[in-house]
Amino acid sequence: MELEEREGIERVGDRCEECGAKLTAAELRAVLESGGPALCTVHASEVVPLDALDDEPLD
């Protein structure tokens, strides 16, 4: 396999970057689709999009 052929293959860790739990097939699929960090369902639900923070007033 040439280097050029391998560049298109995305690799994702199979463990949550926060807690180390092994990711399920659905969690791995979600990570690949979002391009985001490798997080389990629990930790992925805690992620807040940056544009949502713009709507909050500063104290």
Protein backbone atom coordinates (compact mmCIF):
# COMPACT_ATOMS: atom_id res chain seq x y z
CA MET A 1 0.00 0.00 0.00
CA GLU A 2 1.41 3.38 -1.00
CA LEU A 3 1.64 6.25 1.49
CA GLU A 4 -0.79 8.27 -0.61
CA GLU A 5 -3.41 5.54 -0.30
CA ARG A 6 -3.11 5.40 3.49
CA GLU A 7 -3.46 9.15 4.03
CA GLY A 8 -7.22 8.97 3.45
CA ILE A 9 -7.76 6.43 6.23
CA GLU A 10 -8.86 8.07 9.46
CA ARG A 11 -7.77 6.53 12.71
CA VAL A 12 -9.59 7.00 15.96
CA GLY A 13 -8.57 5.75 19.36
CA ASP A 14 -10.85 3.05 20.70
CA ARG A 15 -10.96 4.55 24.20
CA CYS A 16 -12.59 7.68 25.63
CA GLU A 17 -10.07 10.50 26.00
CA GLU A 18 -11.62 11.48 29.35
CA CYS A 19 -12.25 8.25 31.24
CA GLY A 20 -10.55 5.56 29.16
CA ALA A 21 -13.73 3.51 28.61
CA LYS A 22 -13.73 1.35 25.48
CA LEU A 23 -15.89 3.04 22.82
CA THR A 24 -18.80 1.20 21.25
CA ALA A 25 -19.24 0.92 17.48
CA ALA A 26 -21.89 3.69 17.60
CA GLU A 27 -19.57 5.96 19.59
CA LEU A 28 -16.71 5.34 17.14
CA ARG A 29 -19.03 6.13 14.22
CA ALA A 30 -20.11 9.39 15.90
CA VAL A 31 -16.48 10.41 16.42
CA LEU A 32 -15.65 9.79 12.76
CA GLU A 33 -18.73 11.69 11.57
CA SER A 34 -18.16 14.69 13.83
CA GLY A 35 -14.39 14.79 13.51
CA GLY A 36 -14.36 15.52 17.22
CA PRO A 37 -12.46 14.00 20.10
CA ALA A 38 -12.89 10.33 20.97
CA LEU A 39 -15.41 10.49 23.79
CA CYS A 40 -17.85 7.98 25.28
CA THR A 41 -21.57 8.83 25.26
CA VAL A 42 -21.41 10.20 28.82
CA HIS A 43 -18.58 12.62 28.11
CA ALA A 44 -19.80 13.51 24.61
CA SER A 45 -23.08 14.72 26.14
CA GLU A 46 -21.10 17.18 28.29
CA VAL A 47 -19.57 18.94 25.27
CA VAL A 48 -21.00 22.41 24.66
CA PRO A 49 -20.65 23.90 21.17
CA LEU A 50 -18.69 27.16 21.18
CA ASP A 51 -21.46 29.07 19.40
CA ALA A 52 -23.82 28.18 22.28
CA LEU A 53 -21.49 29.97 24.67
CA ASP A 54 -21.82 33.19 22.63
CA ASP A 55 -25.51 33.39 23.54
CA GLU A 56 -24.88 33.39 27.28
CA PRO A 57 -24.46 36.77 29.03
CA LEU A 58 -21.22 37.41 30.83
CA ASP A 59 -21.43 37.90 34.61
